C-alpha atoms as a PDB file:
ATOM      1  CA  MET A   1       5.715  18.378 -27.435  1.00  0.00           C
ATOM      2  CA  LYS A   2       4.890  14.762 -28.703  1.00  0.00           C
ATOM      3  CA  LYS A   3       3.646  12.168 -26.513  1.00  0.00           C
ATOM      4  CA  VAL A   4       4.866   8.447 -27.269  1.00  0.00           C
ATOM      5  CA  GLN A   5       2.689   5.386 -26.290  1.00  0.00           C
ATOM      6  CA  PHE A   6       4.258   1.871 -26.262  1.00  0.00           C
ATOM      7  CA  GLU A   7       3.220  -1.524 -24.826  1.00  0.00           C
ATOM      8  CA  ILE A   8       5.678  -3.272 -22.427  1.00  0.00           C
ATOM      9  CA  ASP A   9       5.353  -7.170 -21.070  1.00  0.00           C
ATOM     10  CA  PRO A  10       4.534  -7.781 -18.044  1.00  0.00           C
ATOM     11  CA  HIS A  11       7.956  -9.287 -16.918  1.00  0.00           C
ATOM     12  CA  THR A  12       9.802  -6.230 -17.905  1.00  0.00           C
ATOM     13  CA  LEU A  13       7.404  -3.700 -16.368  1.00  0.00           C
ATOM     14  CA  ALA A  14       8.021  -6.015 -13.299  1.00  0.00           C
ATOM     15  CA  SER A  15      11.403  -5.796 -13.540  1.00  0.00           C
ATOM     16  CA  VAL A  16      11.719  -1.571 -14.568  1.00  0.00           C
ATOM     17  CA  GLN A  17       9.246  -1.377 -11.851  1.00  0.00           C
ATOM     18  CA  LYS A  18      11.531  -2.624  -8.854  1.00  0.00           C
ATOM     19  CA  PHE A  19      14.692  -1.009 -10.404  1.00  0.00           C
ATOM     20  CA  LEU A  20      12.793   2.437 -10.233  1.00  0.00           C
ATOM     21  CA  ALA A  21      11.615   1.802  -6.684  1.00  0.00           C
ATOM     22  CA  THR A  22      15.270   0.694  -5.734  1.00  0.00           C
ATOM     23  CA  THR A  23      17.458   3.525  -7.532  1.00  0.00           C
ATOM     24  CA  ARG A  24      18.292   6.614  -5.283  1.00  0.00           C
ATOM     25  CA  GLY A  25      18.125   9.822  -6.762  1.00  0.00           C
ATOM     26  CA  SER A  26      18.158  13.197  -5.242  1.00  0.00           C
ATOM     27  CA  ASP A  27      16.940  16.824  -7.564  1.00  0.00           C
ATOM     28  CA  ASN A  28      20.905  17.933  -6.223  1.00  0.00           C
ATOM     29  CA  THR A  29      22.779  14.880  -7.855  1.00  0.00           C
ATOM     30  CA  SER A  30      21.329  13.081 -10.080  1.00  0.00           C
ATOM     31  CA  THR A  31      20.306  15.212 -13.815  1.00  0.00           C
ATOM     32  CA  HIS A  32      15.824  14.313 -13.605  1.00  0.00           C
ATOM     33  CA  GLY A  33      15.636  14.102 -10.755  1.00  0.00           C
ATOM     34  CA  PRO A  34      14.049  10.971  -8.751  1.00  0.00           C
ATOM     35  CA  LEU A  35      13.226   8.363 -11.565  1.00  0.00           C
ATOM     36  CA  THR A  36       9.893   7.503 -12.580  1.00  0.00           C
ATOM     37  CA  ALA A  37       9.076   5.516 -16.241  1.00  0.00           C
ATOM     38  CA  PRO A  38       8.126   8.424 -18.235  1.00  0.00           C
ATOM     39  CA  LYS A  39      10.938  10.437 -16.717  1.00  0.00           C
ATOM     40  CA  LEU A  40      13.116   7.271 -17.227  1.00  0.00           C
ATOM     41  CA  ALA A  41      12.214   7.127 -21.095  1.00  0.00           C
ATOM     42  CA  LYS A  42      12.481  10.749 -21.654  1.00  0.00           C
ATOM     43  CA  MET A  43      15.875  10.510 -20.898  1.00  0.00           C
ATOM     44  CA  LEU A  44      17.047   7.298 -22.458  1.00  0.00           C
ATOM     45  CA  LEU A  45      15.558   9.049 -25.587  1.00  0.00           C
ATOM     46  CA  GLU A  46      17.180  12.373 -25.141  1.00  0.00           C
ATOM     47  CA  ASP A  47      20.430  10.615 -24.919  1.00  0.00           C
ATOM     48  CA  VAL A  48      19.906   8.998 -27.948  1.00  0.00           C
ATOM     49  CA  ALA A  49      18.916  12.354 -29.705  1.00  0.00           C
ATOM     50  CA  LEU A  50      22.480  13.244 -28.278  1.00  0.00           C
ATOM     51  CA  VAL A  51      24.255  10.536 -30.625  1.00  0.00           C
ATOM     52  CA  VAL A  52      23.046  12.955 -33.742  1.00  0.00           C
ATOM     53  CA  GLU A  53      22.875  16.212 -31.177  1.00  0.00           C
ATOM     54  CA  ARG A  54      26.314  16.494 -29.676  1.00  0.00           C
ATOM     55  CA  PRO A  55      28.400  12.679 -30.592  1.00  0.00           C
ATOM     56  CA  GLY A  56      31.259  12.258 -28.839  1.00  0.00           C
ATOM     57  CA  CYS A  57      29.692  13.814 -25.673  1.00  0.00           C
ATOM     58  CA  TRP A  58      29.230  11.346 -22.435  1.00  0.00           C
ATOM     59  CA  GLU A  59      25.938  10.049 -23.100  1.00  0.00           C
ATOM     60  CA  ALA A  60      26.453   9.782 -26.525  1.00  0.00           C
ATOM     61  CA  ASP A  61      29.111   7.670 -25.869  1.00  0.00           C
ATOM     62  CA  SER A  62      27.211   5.391 -23.570  1.00  0.00           C
ATOM     63  CA  MET A  63      24.187   5.059 -25.617  1.00  0.00           C
ATOM     64  CA  PHE A  64      26.261   4.914 -28.772  1.00  0.00           C
ATOM     65  CA  SER A  65      27.528   1.556 -27.212  1.00  0.00           C
ATOM     66  CA  LEU A  66      24.773   0.409 -25.767  1.00  0.00           C
ATOM     67  CA  LEU A  67      23.158   0.338 -29.156  1.00  0.00           C
ATOM     68  CA  ALA A  68      26.033  -1.066 -31.097  1.00  0.00           C
ATOM     69  CA  GLY A  69      25.693  -3.841 -28.229  1.00  0.00           C
ATOM     70  CA  HIS A  70      22.334  -4.900 -29.469  1.00  0.00           C
ATOM     71  CA  GLY A  71      23.574  -4.386 -33.306  1.00  0.00           C
ATOM     72  CA  TYR A  72      22.025  -0.774 -34.176  1.00  0.00           C
ATOM     73  CA  GLU A  73      24.901   1.701 -35.849  1.00  0.00           C
ATOM     74  CA  TYR A  74      24.971   5.209 -36.771  1.00  0.00           C
END
């Protein structure tokens, strides 16, 4: 397992924290349980990996669309 560390600007961090504080999820109804910033980052990186590992699955398709909207192609 590899640890990842990155910087995020204060405005974006505040918005992410607000999102996390108001997002509902539970161990029974969500794939990763209640979200924290590390769980959110891990989930998004796992979905990027699915673009390569399982193209066509709904997670990969959604992530591919998001990345394409930012101008990235795979």
